[in-house]
Amino acid sequence: MPAEPLIADNVMIHESAYVDEPCEIGEGTKIWHFTHVMKNARIGRKCNIGQNVVISPDVTIGDGCKIQNNVSIYTGVVLEDFVFCGPSMVFTNVINPRSEIARRDEYRSTRVGRGATFGANCTIVCGHDIGKYAFVAAGAVVTRDVPDYGLMVGVPARRVGWACRCGDRLPPAGPDGLITCSSCGNEYREDDQTLSPLREVQESVNP
């Protein structure tokens, strides 16, 4: 496929994929078999877009994101940098769909913070914000906003703890509200159902 001006150098697009114009694809991104990127989508640098993925019009995907096989990212979804979407996880953009009623003017947005992870086969109901470095377990169904670092499981999903920036589950907070990750040493403070980073060794990571 001829390179369109908004497709950067060193972008790999498999010959079976379709990329509509115009769209924007950042340097070093890879787009694999049978994937369809629709017009006005924006994909950042060094992303990996797996097999059989659909990226709908006007979707924004940040740098360093990994979209595994069979994921559909619908209009209204915004992924910030370093989001991981596990195989066959689901976003929605309408809360009351009917086949015979067009609701394109009723799409609800979903914004996903930097570094969030979605496990395989989880579902994100539209109209909610997913905090940075949140971790949604495989098969969970998210029906409300998710706080930064929230570890979400179940149907409907509930927060059962906190996830470190490294991806491991954090231990309970001490009496002073402080938490130290036993895997990487990151330090956090828990306060009134929120988690704030005090020190994270991964802060030097760049897209």
N, C-alpha and C. Protein backbone atom coordinates (compact mmCIF):
# COMPACT_ATOMS: atom_id res chain seq x y z
N MET A 1 0.84 -1.19 0.00
CA MET A 1 0.00 0.00 0.00
C MET A 1 0.88 1.24 0.00
N PRO A 2 0.62 2.22 -0.88
CA PRO A 2 1.42 3.45 -0.88
C PRO A 2 1.31 4.17 0.45
N ALA A 3 2.43 4.73 0.90
CA ALA A 3 2.44 5.45 2.18
C ALA A 3 1.73 6.78 2.04
N GLU A 4 0.76 7.01 2.88
CA GLU A 4 0.06 8.29 2.96
C GLU A 4 0.89 9.22 3.83
N PRO A 5 0.89 10.54 3.58
CA PRO A 5 1.81 11.44 4.29
C PRO A 5 1.76 11.38 5.80
N LEU A 6 0.62 11.00 6.41
CA LEU A 6 0.53 10.96 7.86
C LEU A 6 0.98 9.63 8.44
N ILE A 7 1.43 8.71 7.59
CA ILE A 7 1.99 7.46 8.06
C ILE A 7 3.51 7.62 8.12
N ALA A 8 4.07 7.50 9.32
CA ALA A 8 5.48 7.80 9.53
C ALA A 8 6.38 6.71 8.94
N ASP A 9 7.67 6.98 8.98
CA ASP A 9 8.65 5.99 8.53
C ASP A 9 8.65 4.78 9.47
N ASN A 10 9.11 3.67 8.93
CA ASN A 10 9.30 2.44 9.72
C ASN A 10 7.99 1.89 10.30
N VAL A 11 6.88 2.18 9.66
CA VAL A 11 5.61 1.57 10.03
C VAL A 11 5.45 0.27 9.24
N MET A 12 5.11 -0.81 9.92
CA MET A 12 4.90 -2.09 9.27
C MET A 12 3.40 -2.37 9.19
N ILE A 13 2.88 -2.52 7.98
CA ILE A 13 1.47 -2.83 7.77
C ILE A 13 1.40 -4.11 6.96
N HIS A 14 0.85 -5.17 7.53
CA HIS A 14 0.77 -6.44 6.83
C HIS A 14 -0.10 -6.30 5.58
N GLU A 15 0.25 -7.06 4.56
CA GLU A 15 -0.44 -6.92 3.28
C GLU A 15 -1.92 -7.27 3.36
N SER A 16 -2.34 -8.02 4.37
CA SER A 16 -3.76 -8.36 4.53
C SER A 16 -4.55 -7.31 5.31
N ALA A 17 -3.87 -6.32 5.87
CA ALA A 17 -4.54 -5.28 6.65
C ALA A 17 -5.06 -4.17 5.75
N TYR A 18 -6.09 -3.47 6.22
CA TYR A 18 -6.63 -2.32 5.51
C TYR A 18 -6.44 -1.07 6.37
N VAL A 19 -5.89 -0.03 5.76
CA VAL A 19 -5.70 1.24 6.45
C VAL A 19 -6.34 2.32 5.60
N ASP A 20 -7.46 2.87 6.11
CA ASP A 20 -8.19 3.88 5.35
C ASP A 20 -7.51 5.23 5.48
N GLU A 21 -7.75 6.09 4.50
CA GLU A 21 -7.20 7.44 4.53
C GLU A 21 -8.32 8.45 4.76
N PRO A 22 -8.00 9.55 5.46
CA PRO A 22 -6.71 9.81 6.13
C PRO A 22 -6.68 9.18 7.52
N CYS A 23 -5.48 8.86 7.95
CA CYS A 23 -5.27 8.46 9.33
C CYS A 23 -3.83 8.79 9.68
N GLU A 24 -3.49 8.67 10.95
CA GLU A 24 -2.14 9.02 11.41
C GLU A 24 -1.57 7.83 12.17
N ILE A 25 -0.39 7.38 11.76
CA ILE A 25 0.27 6.24 12.39
C ILE A 25 1.71 6.62 12.69
N GLY A 26 2.10 6.49 13.95
CA GLY A 26 3.42 6.93 14.38
C GLY A 26 4.54 5.97 14.03
N GLU A 27 5.75 6.47 14.08
CA GLU A 27 6.95 5.72 13.71
C GLU A 27 7.09 4.43 14.53
N GLY A 28 7.46 3.37 13.83
CA GLY A 28 7.76 2.10 14.48
C GLY A 28 6.56 1.25 14.84
N THR A 29 5.37 1.69 14.52
CA THR A 29 4.17 0.91 14.83
C THR A 29 4.03 -0.26 13.86
N LYS A 30 3.50 -1.39 14.36
CA LYS A 30 3.27 -2.58 13.56
C LYS A 30 1.79 -2.93 13.58
N ILE A 31 1.26 -3.23 12.39
CA ILE A 31 -0.16 -3.57 12.23
C ILE A 31 -0.22 -4.92 11.53
N TRP A 32 -0.84 -5.91 12.20
CA TRP A 32 -0.74 -7.29 11.74
C TRP A 32 -1.97 -7.75 10.96
N HIS A 33 -2.05 -9.03 10.69
CA HIS A 33 -2.97 -9.65 9.73
C HIS A 33 -4.43 -9.28 9.97
N PHE A 34 -5.13 -8.97 8.87
CA PHE A 34 -6.59 -8.83 8.83
C PHE A 34 -7.12 -7.71 9.72
N THR A 35 -6.28 -6.76 10.03
CA THR A 35 -6.71 -5.63 10.86
C THR A 35 -7.21 -4.49 9.98
N HIS A 36 -8.19 -3.74 10.50
CA HIS A 36 -8.76 -2.61 9.75
C HIS A 36 -8.65 -1.34 10.59
N VAL A 37 -7.89 -0.38 10.07
CA VAL A 37 -7.77 0.93 10.69
C VAL A 37 -8.61 1.89 9.86
N MET A 38 -9.60 2.50 10.46
CA MET A 38 -10.55 3.33 9.72
C MET A 38 -10.14 4.81 9.75
N LYS A 39 -10.80 5.58 8.91
CA LYS A 39 -10.36 6.95 8.66
C LYS A 39 -10.37 7.81 9.92
N ASN A 40 -9.42 8.72 9.95
CA ASN A 40 -9.26 9.70 11.04
C ASN A 40 -8.83 9.08 12.36
N ALA A 41 -8.45 7.81 12.34
CA ALA A 41 -7.85 7.23 13.54
C ALA A 41 -6.44 7.78 13.71
N ARG A 42 -6.03 7.88 14.96
CA ARG A 42 -4.68 8.35 15.28
C ARG A 42 -4.00 7.31 16.17
N ILE A 43 -2.90 6.77 15.68
CA ILE A 43 -2.15 5.74 16.40
C ILE A 43 -0.74 6.26 16.63
N GLY A 44 -0.26 6.16 17.87
CA GLY A 44 1.03 6.72 18.22
C GLY A 44 2.21 5.87 17.76
N ARG A 45 3.36 6.18 18.33
CA ARG A 45 4.62 5.51 17.98
C ARG A 45 4.76 4.18 18.71
N LYS A 46 5.45 3.26 18.04
CA LYS A 46 5.87 1.99 18.64
C LYS A 46 4.72 1.21 19.26
N CYS A 47 3.58 1.25 18.58
CA CYS A 47 2.45 0.41 19.00
C CYS A 47 2.52 -0.92 18.29
N ASN A 48 1.89 -1.92 18.86
CA ASN A 48 1.77 -3.23 18.23
C ASN A 48 0.28 -3.58 18.16
N ILE A 49 -0.25 -3.61 16.95
CA ILE A 49 -1.67 -3.85 16.73
C ILE A 49 -1.81 -5.26 16.17
N GLY A 50 -2.44 -6.16 16.92
CA GLY A 50 -2.46 -7.58 16.59
C GLY A 50 -3.39 -7.94 15.46
N GLN A 51 -3.64 -9.24 15.35
CA GLN A 51 -4.45 -9.78 14.26
C GLN A 51 -5.93 -9.55 14.52
N ASN A 52 -6.66 -9.23 13.42
CA ASN A 52 -8.13 -9.13 13.46
C ASN A 52 -8.60 -8.04 14.43
N VAL A 53 -7.90 -6.92 14.44
CA VAL A 53 -8.27 -5.76 15.25
C VAL A 53 -9.02 -4.76 14.37
N VAL A 54 -10.04 -4.12 14.92
CA VAL A 54 -10.74 -3.03 14.26
C VAL A 54 -10.55 -1.75 15.07
N ILE A 55 -10.06 -0.72 14.40
CA ILE A 55 -9.91 0.60 15.03
C ILE A 55 -10.83 1.55 14.27
N SER A 56 -11.89 1.99 14.93
CA SER A 56 -12.96 2.74 14.27
C SER A 56 -12.56 4.20 14.03
N PRO A 57 -13.37 4.93 13.24
CA PRO A 57 -13.05 6.32 12.95
C PRO A 57 -12.90 7.17 14.21
N ASP A 58 -11.92 8.06 14.16
CA ASP A 58 -11.69 9.09 15.20
C ASP A 58 -11.15 8.53 16.51
N VAL A 59 -10.80 7.27 16.57
CA VAL A 59 -10.18 6.71 17.76
C VAL A 59 -8.77 7.27 17.91
N THR A 60 -8.35 7.51 19.15
CA THR A 60 -6.99 7.95 19.43
C THR A 60 -6.29 6.91 20.29
N ILE A 61 -5.10 6.50 19.86
CA ILE A 61 -4.28 5.54 20.58
C ILE A 61 -2.90 6.16 20.78
N GLY A 62 -2.44 6.17 22.02
CA GLY A 62 -1.17 6.81 22.34
C GLY A 62 0.03 5.98 21.94
N ASP A 63 1.21 6.41 22.38
CA ASP A 63 2.46 5.72 22.08
C ASP A 63 2.58 4.43 22.90
N GLY A 64 3.27 3.46 22.32
CA GLY A 64 3.65 2.26 23.06
C GLY A 64 2.52 1.35 23.48
N CYS A 65 1.35 1.46 22.85
CA CYS A 65 0.23 0.60 23.22
C CYS A 65 0.34 -0.77 22.55
N LYS A 66 -0.18 -1.80 23.24
CA LYS A 66 -0.21 -3.14 22.70
C LYS A 66 -1.66 -3.61 22.66
N ILE A 67 -2.15 -3.85 21.44
CA ILE A 67 -3.52 -4.28 21.23
C ILE A 67 -3.47 -5.72 20.74
N GLN A 68 -3.90 -6.66 21.56
CA GLN A 68 -3.82 -8.06 21.21
C GLN A 68 -4.92 -8.47 20.22
N ASN A 69 -4.91 -9.72 19.79
CA ASN A 69 -5.81 -10.18 18.74
C ASN A 69 -7.29 -10.03 19.11
N ASN A 70 -8.09 -9.74 18.08
CA ASN A 70 -9.56 -9.76 18.15
C ASN A 70 -10.15 -8.67 19.04
N VAL A 71 -9.48 -7.54 19.13
CA VAL A 71 -10.00 -6.40 19.90
C VAL A 71 -10.59 -5.38 18.94
N SER A 72 -11.78 -4.86 19.27
CA SER A 72 -12.39 -3.77 18.52
C SER A 72 -12.39 -2.51 19.38
N ILE A 73 -11.83 -1.44 18.83
CA ILE A 73 -11.75 -0.17 19.56
C ILE A 73 -12.66 0.81 18.83
N TYR A 74 -13.80 1.11 19.45
CA TYR A 74 -14.85 1.84 18.77
C TYR A 74 -14.72 3.35 18.97
N THR A 75 -15.38 4.08 18.07
CA THR A 75 -15.40 5.54 18.13
C THR A 75 -15.82 6.00 19.54
N GLY A 76 -15.06 6.93 20.09
CA GLY A 76 -15.30 7.42 21.44
C GLY A 76 -14.27 6.95 22.43
N VAL A 77 -13.44 5.97 22.03
CA VAL A 77 -12.40 5.45 22.92
C VAL A 77 -11.10 6.21 22.70
N VAL A 78 -10.48 6.61 23.80
CA VAL A 78 -9.16 7.25 23.78
C VAL A 78 -8.23 6.45 24.68
N LEU A 79 -7.15 5.95 24.13
CA LEU A 79 -6.13 5.25 24.90
C LEU A 79 -4.91 6.14 25.03
N GLU A 80 -4.49 6.42 26.26
CA GLU A 80 -3.25 7.15 26.46
C GLU A 80 -2.07 6.20 26.27
N ASP A 81 -0.85 6.65 26.53
CA ASP A 81 0.34 5.87 26.24
C ASP A 81 0.40 4.57 27.05
N PHE A 82 0.99 3.53 26.45
CA PHE A 82 1.35 2.26 27.10
C PHE A 82 0.15 1.48 27.65
N VAL A 83 -1.00 1.59 27.01
CA VAL A 83 -2.15 0.78 27.39
C VAL A 83 -2.01 -0.62 26.79
N PHE A 84 -2.35 -1.64 27.57
CA PHE A 84 -2.34 -3.03 27.11
C PHE A 84 -3.76 -3.55 27.04
N CYS A 85 -4.19 -3.99 25.85
CA CYS A 85 -5.52 -4.56 25.66
C CYS A 85 -5.37 -6.04 25.37
N GLY A 86 -5.79 -6.89 26.30
CA GLY A 86 -5.63 -8.33 26.15
C GLY A 86 -6.54 -8.91 25.08
N PRO A 87 -6.28 -10.16 24.68
CA PRO A 87 -7.02 -10.78 23.59
C PRO A 87 -8.53 -10.77 23.82
N SER A 88 -9.25 -10.33 22.78
CA SER A 88 -10.71 -10.40 22.74
C SER A 88 -11.40 -9.59 23.82
N MET A 89 -10.69 -8.63 24.44
CA MET A 89 -11.40 -7.74 25.36
C MET A 89 -12.28 -6.80 24.55
N VAL A 90 -13.27 -6.18 25.23
CA VAL A 90 -14.33 -5.47 24.52
C VAL A 90 -14.52 -4.07 25.07
N PHE A 91 -14.56 -3.10 24.17
CA PHE A 91 -15.08 -1.77 24.48
C PHE A 91 -16.47 -1.64 23.87
N THR A 92 -17.34 -0.83 24.51
CA THR A 92 -18.62 -0.49 23.88
C THR A 92 -18.67 1.03 23.72
N ASN A 93 -19.63 1.51 22.94
CA ASN A 93 -19.81 2.97 22.85
C ASN A 93 -21.27 3.41 22.87
N VAL A 94 -22.19 2.46 23.06
CA VAL A 94 -23.61 2.77 23.21
C VAL A 94 -24.14 1.92 24.37
N ILE A 95 -24.95 2.53 25.24
CA ILE A 95 -25.44 1.77 26.40
C ILE A 95 -26.75 1.05 26.16
N ASN A 96 -27.49 1.45 25.11
CA ASN A 96 -28.79 0.82 24.87
C ASN A 96 -28.98 0.53 23.38
N PRO A 97 -28.11 -0.28 22.79
CA PRO A 97 -28.18 -0.50 21.34
C PRO A 97 -29.43 -1.25 20.91
N ARG A 98 -29.94 -0.85 19.75
CA ARG A 98 -30.99 -1.59 19.04
C ARG A 98 -30.60 -1.63 17.56
N SER A 99 -30.74 -2.77 16.94
CA SER A 99 -30.36 -2.88 15.54
C SER A 99 -31.14 -1.93 14.65
N GLU A 100 -32.43 -1.69 14.96
CA GLU A 100 -33.27 -0.88 14.08
C GLU A 100 -33.21 0.61 14.40
N ILE A 101 -32.46 1.02 15.41
CA ILE A 101 -32.38 2.43 15.79
C ILE A 101 -30.94 2.90 15.71
N ALA A 102 -30.70 3.93 14.89
CA ALA A 102 -29.35 4.49 14.78
C ALA A 102 -29.07 5.38 15.99
N ARG A 103 -27.92 5.17 16.62
CA ARG A 103 -27.58 5.95 17.80
C ARG A 103 -26.17 6.52 17.69
N ARG A 104 -25.76 6.88 16.47
CA ARG A 104 -24.41 7.40 16.28
C ARG A 104 -24.19 8.73 16.99
N ASP A 105 -25.29 9.45 17.24
CA ASP A 105 -25.16 10.73 17.95
C ASP A 105 -25.24 10.55 19.46
N GLU A 106 -25.26 9.30 19.93
CA GLU A 106 -25.35 9.03 21.36
C GLU A 106 -24.14 8.26 21.88
N TYR A 107 -23.08 8.20 21.08
CA TYR A 107 -21.88 7.50 21.54
C TYR A 107 -21.38 8.12 22.85
N ARG A 108 -20.96 7.27 23.77
CA ARG A 108 -20.37 7.73 25.02
C ARG A 108 -18.88 7.40 25.02
N SER A 109 -18.11 8.34 25.49
CA SER A 109 -16.66 8.20 25.41
C SER A 109 -16.11 7.34 26.55
N THR A 110 -14.99 6.73 26.29
CA THR A 110 -14.23 5.98 27.30
C THR A 110 -12.79 6.45 27.21
N ARG A 111 -12.27 7.00 28.28
CA ARG A 111 -10.87 7.46 28.30
C ARG A 111 -10.07 6.54 29.21
N VAL A 112 -8.96 6.07 28.68
CA VAL A 112 -8.12 5.12 29.39
C VAL A 112 -6.77 5.76 29.69
N GLY A 113 -6.39 5.80 30.97
CA GLY A 113 -5.16 6.45 31.39
C GLY A 113 -3.91 5.66 31.03
N ARG A 114 -2.81 6.34 31.08
CA ARG A 114 -1.50 5.77 30.74
C ARG A 114 -1.25 4.47 31.52
N GLY A 115 -0.75 3.48 30.79
CA GLY A 115 -0.28 2.26 31.42
C GLY A 115 -1.33 1.30 31.91
N ALA A 116 -2.60 1.56 31.67
CA ALA A 116 -3.65 0.64 32.13
C ALA A 116 -3.56 -0.69 31.40
N THR A 117 -4.01 -1.75 32.08
CA THR A 117 -4.01 -3.10 31.52
C THR A 117 -5.43 -3.66 31.55
N PHE A 118 -5.84 -4.27 30.43
CA PHE A 118 -7.11 -4.97 30.34
C PHE A 118 -6.84 -6.44 30.05
N GLY A 119 -7.28 -7.33 30.93
CA GLY A 119 -7.09 -8.75 30.74
C GLY A 119 -7.98 -9.31 29.64
N ALA A 120 -7.65 -10.52 29.21
CA ALA A 120 -8.39 -11.16 28.13
C ALA A 120 -9.88 -11.25 28.46
N ASN A 121 -10.70 -10.94 27.44
CA ASN A 121 -12.15 -11.12 27.50
C ASN A 121 -12.86 -10.22 28.51
N CYS A 122 -12.20 -9.21 29.04
CA CYS A 122 -12.92 -8.27 29.89
C CYS A 122 -13.76 -7.33 29.02
N THR A 123 -14.74 -6.67 29.64
CA THR A 123 -15.64 -5.76 28.94
C THR A 123 -15.66 -4.42 29.65
N ILE A 124 -15.52 -3.35 28.88
CA ILE A 124 -15.55 -1.99 29.43
C ILE A 124 -16.80 -1.30 28.89
N VAL A 125 -17.80 -1.13 29.76
CA VAL A 125 -19.02 -0.44 29.36
C VAL A 125 -18.70 1.05 29.18
N CYS A 126 -19.21 1.64 28.12
CA CYS A 126 -18.82 2.99 27.72
C CYS A 126 -19.27 4.05 28.73
N GLY A 127 -18.64 5.21 28.61
CA GLY A 127 -19.00 6.36 29.44
C GLY A 127 -18.25 6.46 30.74
N HIS A 128 -17.14 5.70 30.87
CA HIS A 128 -16.38 5.70 32.11
C HIS A 128 -14.91 6.00 31.85
N ASP A 129 -14.25 6.51 32.87
CA ASP A 129 -12.81 6.78 32.81
C ASP A 129 -12.07 5.66 33.53
N ILE A 130 -11.01 5.20 32.90
CA ILE A 130 -10.16 4.16 33.48
C ILE A 130 -8.85 4.83 33.87
N GLY A 131 -8.50 4.80 35.15
CA GLY A 131 -7.34 5.53 35.64
C GLY A 131 -6.01 4.95 35.17
N LYS A 132 -4.97 5.75 35.32
CA LYS A 132 -3.65 5.30 34.90
C LYS A 132 -3.20 4.10 35.73
N TYR A 133 -2.56 3.18 35.06
CA TYR A 133 -2.01 1.95 35.67
C TYR A 133 -3.06 1.10 36.37
N ALA A 134 -4.33 1.34 36.06
CA ALA A 134 -5.37 0.42 36.54
C ALA A 134 -5.15 -0.95 35.91
N PHE A 135 -5.67 -1.97 36.59
CA PHE A 135 -5.51 -3.35 36.11
C PHE A 135 -6.87 -4.03 36.19
N VAL A 136 -7.45 -4.34 35.02
CA VAL A 136 -8.75 -5.00 34.95
C VAL A 136 -8.51 -6.46 34.64
N ALA A 137 -8.96 -7.34 35.52
CA ALA A 137 -8.68 -8.77 35.40
C ALA A 137 -9.42 -9.38 34.21
N ALA A 138 -8.92 -10.52 33.77
CA ALA A 138 -9.56 -11.25 32.68
C ALA A 138 -11.02 -11.55 33.03
N GLY A 139 -11.92 -11.28 32.07
CA GLY A 139 -13.33 -11.60 32.24
C GLY A 139 -14.14 -10.62 33.05
N ALA A 140 -13.52 -9.59 33.62
CA ALA A 140 -14.25 -8.61 34.42
C ALA A 140 -15.13 -7.74 33.52
N VAL A 141 -16.18 -7.17 34.11
CA VAL A 141 -17.08 -6.26 33.39
C VAL A 141 -17.11 -4.94 34.14
N VAL A 142 -16.52 -3.91 33.55
CA VAL A 142 -16.40 -2.61 34.20
C VAL A 142 -17.64 -1.77 33.89
N THR A 143 -18.34 -1.33 34.93
CA THR A 143 -19.58 -0.56 34.77
C THR A 143 -19.50 0.80 35.46
N ARG A 144 -18.31 1.19 35.91
CA ARG A 144 -18.14 2.47 36.60
C ARG A 144 -16.71 2.95 36.39
N ASP A 145 -16.44 4.18 36.81
CA ASP A 145 -15.08 4.71 36.72
C ASP A 145 -14.12 3.85 37.55
N VAL A 146 -12.89 3.75 37.08
CA VAL A 146 -11.86 2.98 37.77
C VAL A 146 -10.76 3.95 38.22
N PRO A 147 -10.37 3.93 39.49
CA PRO A 147 -9.33 4.86 39.95
C PRO A 147 -7.95 4.47 39.45
N ASP A 148 -7.03 5.42 39.50
CA ASP A 148 -5.64 5.13 39.20
C ASP A 148 -5.18 3.93 40.03
N TYR A 149 -4.50 3.00 39.40
CA TYR A 149 -3.90 1.82 40.05
C TYR A 149 -4.94 0.82 40.58
N GLY A 150 -6.22 1.05 40.32
CA GLY A 150 -7.25 0.14 40.83
C GLY A 150 -7.13 -1.25 40.23
N LEU A 151 -7.22 -2.27 41.06
CA LEU A 151 -7.22 -3.67 40.63
C LEU A 151 -8.67 -4.15 40.66
N MET A 152 -9.22 -4.42 39.47
CA MET A 152 -10.64 -4.68 39.33
C MET A 152 -10.89 -6.11 38.90
N VAL A 153 -11.82 -6.79 39.59
CA VAL A 153 -12.17 -8.17 39.25
C VAL A 153 -13.68 -8.33 39.35
N GLY A 154 -14.21 -9.34 38.65
CA GLY A 154 -15.59 -9.74 38.84
C GLY A 154 -16.59 -9.13 37.88
N VAL A 155 -17.86 -9.54 38.08
CA VAL A 155 -18.98 -9.09 37.27
C VAL A 155 -20.13 -8.70 38.19
N PRO A 156 -20.46 -7.42 38.32
CA PRO A 156 -19.69 -6.30 37.78
C PRO A 156 -18.36 -6.14 38.52
N ALA A 157 -17.43 -5.48 37.89
CA ALA A 157 -16.09 -5.36 38.47
C ALA A 157 -16.11 -4.52 39.74
N ARG A 158 -15.34 -4.97 40.72
CA ARG A 158 -15.17 -4.22 41.96
C ARG A 158 -13.67 -4.15 42.26
N ARG A 159 -13.30 -3.11 42.98
CA ARG A 159 -11.89 -2.97 43.31
C ARG A 159 -11.55 -3.86 44.51
N VAL A 160 -10.55 -4.73 44.32
CA VAL A 160 -10.15 -5.65 45.38
C VAL A 160 -8.76 -5.31 45.93
N GLY A 161 -8.18 -4.25 45.42
CA GLY A 161 -6.86 -3.84 45.88
C GLY A 161 -6.25 -2.87 44.89
N TRP A 162 -4.94 -2.79 44.94
CA TRP A 162 -4.20 -1.87 44.07
C TRP A 162 -3.15 -2.64 43.27
N ALA A 163 -2.89 -2.17 42.05
CA ALA A 163 -1.84 -2.74 41.21
C ALA A 163 -0.67 -1.76 41.14
N CYS A 164 0.52 -2.26 41.35
CA CYS A 164 1.72 -1.44 41.21
C CYS A 164 1.93 -1.07 39.74
N ARG A 165 2.69 -0.05 39.52
CA ARG A 165 3.04 0.31 38.15
C ARG A 165 3.74 -0.85 37.44
N CYS A 166 4.44 -1.70 38.17
CA CYS A 166 5.11 -2.85 37.56
C CYS A 166 4.13 -3.95 37.17
N GLY A 167 2.88 -3.87 37.65
CA GLY A 167 1.87 -4.85 37.30
C GLY A 167 1.53 -5.84 38.38
N ASP A 168 2.32 -5.91 39.43
CA ASP A 168 2.03 -6.83 40.53
C ASP A 168 1.04 -6.22 41.51
N ARG A 169 0.34 -7.10 42.22
CA ARG A 169 -0.61 -6.62 43.23
C ARG A 169 0.15 -6.08 44.43
N LEU A 170 -0.28 -4.93 44.93
CA LEU A 170 0.36 -4.33 46.09
C LEU A 170 -0.17 -4.94 47.38
N PRO A 171 0.65 -4.99 48.42
CA PRO A 171 0.16 -5.46 49.72
C PRO A 171 -0.73 -4.41 50.37
N PRO A 172 -1.45 -4.77 51.42
CA PRO A 172 -2.28 -3.78 52.13
C PRO A 172 -1.43 -2.65 52.70
N ALA A 173 -2.04 -1.49 52.84
CA ALA A 173 -1.35 -0.34 53.41
C ALA A 173 -1.11 -0.55 54.90
N GLY A 174 -0.02 0.02 55.40
CA GLY A 174 0.25 0.02 56.82
C GLY A 174 -0.60 1.06 57.53
N PRO A 175 -0.47 1.17 58.86
CA PRO A 175 -1.25 2.14 59.64
C PRO A 175 -1.05 3.58 59.18
N ASP A 176 0.11 3.86 58.58
CA ASP A 176 0.40 5.21 58.09
C ASP A 176 -0.05 5.42 56.65
N GLY A 177 -0.70 4.41 56.06
CA GLY A 177 -1.18 4.52 54.69
C GLY A 177 -0.14 4.24 53.63
N LEU A 178 1.08 3.89 54.05
CA LEU A 178 2.16 3.66 53.08
C LEU A 178 2.16 2.22 52.59
N ILE A 179 2.50 2.08 51.32
CA ILE A 179 2.59 0.77 50.68
C ILE A 179 3.89 0.71 49.89
N THR A 180 4.63 -0.39 50.04
CA THR A 180 5.83 -0.63 49.25
C THR A 180 5.64 -1.92 48.45
N CYS A 181 5.89 -1.85 47.15
CA CYS A 181 5.77 -3.03 46.31
C CYS A 181 6.89 -4.01 46.63
N SER A 182 6.55 -5.25 46.91
CA SER A 182 7.56 -6.25 47.24
C SER A 182 8.34 -6.72 46.02
N SER A 183 7.86 -6.40 44.83
CA SER A 183 8.53 -6.83 43.61
C SER A 183 9.56 -5.83 43.11
N CYS A 184 9.19 -4.54 43.09
CA CYS A 184 10.08 -3.55 42.49
C CYS A 184 10.48 -2.42 43.44
N GLY A 185 9.86 -2.34 44.62
CA GLY A 185 10.21 -1.30 45.58
C GLY A 185 9.50 0.01 45.41
N ASN A 186 8.59 0.12 44.46
CA ASN A 186 7.82 1.35 44.32
C ASN A 186 7.08 1.66 45.62
N GLU A 187 6.90 2.96 45.89
CA GLU A 187 6.26 3.39 47.14
C GLU A 187 5.02 4.23 46.83
N TYR A 188 3.96 3.99 47.61
CA TYR A 188 2.68 4.66 47.40
C TYR A 188 2.08 5.05 48.75
N ARG A 189 1.08 5.95 48.65
CA ARG A 189 0.29 6.31 49.83
C ARG A 189 -1.19 6.12 49.49
N GLU A 190 -1.88 5.37 50.37
CA GLU A 190 -3.32 5.18 50.23
C GLU A 190 -4.04 6.19 51.11
N ASP A 191 -5.02 6.86 50.53
CA ASP A 191 -5.74 7.88 51.28
C ASP A 191 -7.16 7.97 50.74
N ASP A 192 -8.14 7.60 51.55
CA ASP A 192 -9.55 7.76 51.20
C ASP A 192 -9.87 7.13 49.84
N GLN A 193 -9.52 5.86 49.68
CA GLN A 193 -9.82 5.08 48.48
C GLN A 193 -9.09 5.57 47.22
N THR A 194 -8.00 6.28 47.40
CA THR A 194 -7.15 6.66 46.29
C THR A 194 -5.72 6.23 46.59
N LEU A 195 -4.94 6.09 45.54
CA LEU A 195 -3.54 5.71 45.68
C LEU A 195 -2.68 6.72 44.95
N SER A 196 -1.67 7.25 45.63
CA SER A 196 -0.78 8.25 45.04
C SER A 196 0.65 7.72 45.05
N PRO A 197 1.37 7.85 43.93
CA PRO A 197 2.76 7.38 43.91
C PRO A 197 3.69 8.33 44.67
N LEU A 198 4.58 7.76 45.44
CA LEU A 198 5.63 8.53 46.10
C LEU A 198 6.97 8.35 45.40
N ARG A 199 7.21 7.13 44.92
CA ARG A 199 8.44 6.85 44.17
C ARG A 199 8.19 5.66 43.27
N GLU A 200 8.51 5.84 41.99
CA GLU A 200 8.36 4.75 41.03
C GLU A 200 9.64 4.62 40.21
N VAL A 201 10.22 3.45 40.23
CA VAL A 201 11.50 3.26 39.53
C VAL A 201 11.33 3.27 38.03
N GLN A 202 10.11 3.12 37.53
CA GLN A 202 9.88 3.07 36.09
C GLN A 202 9.71 4.43 35.46
N GLU A 203 9.87 5.50 36.20
CA GLU A 203 9.56 6.82 35.65
C GLU A 203 10.46 7.24 34.51
N SER A 204 11.58 6.54 34.31
CA SER A 204 12.48 6.90 33.20
C SER A 204 12.04 6.29 31.88
N VAL A 205 11.00 5.45 31.88
CA VAL A 205 10.56 4.80 30.65
C VAL A 205 9.98 5.82 29.69
N ASN A 206 10.40 5.74 28.43
CA ASN A 206 9.90 6.63 27.38
C ASN A 206 9.29 5.80 26.27
N PRO A 207 8.35 6.43 25.49
CA PRO A 207 7.77 5.72 24.35
C PRO A 207 8.84 5.30 23.35
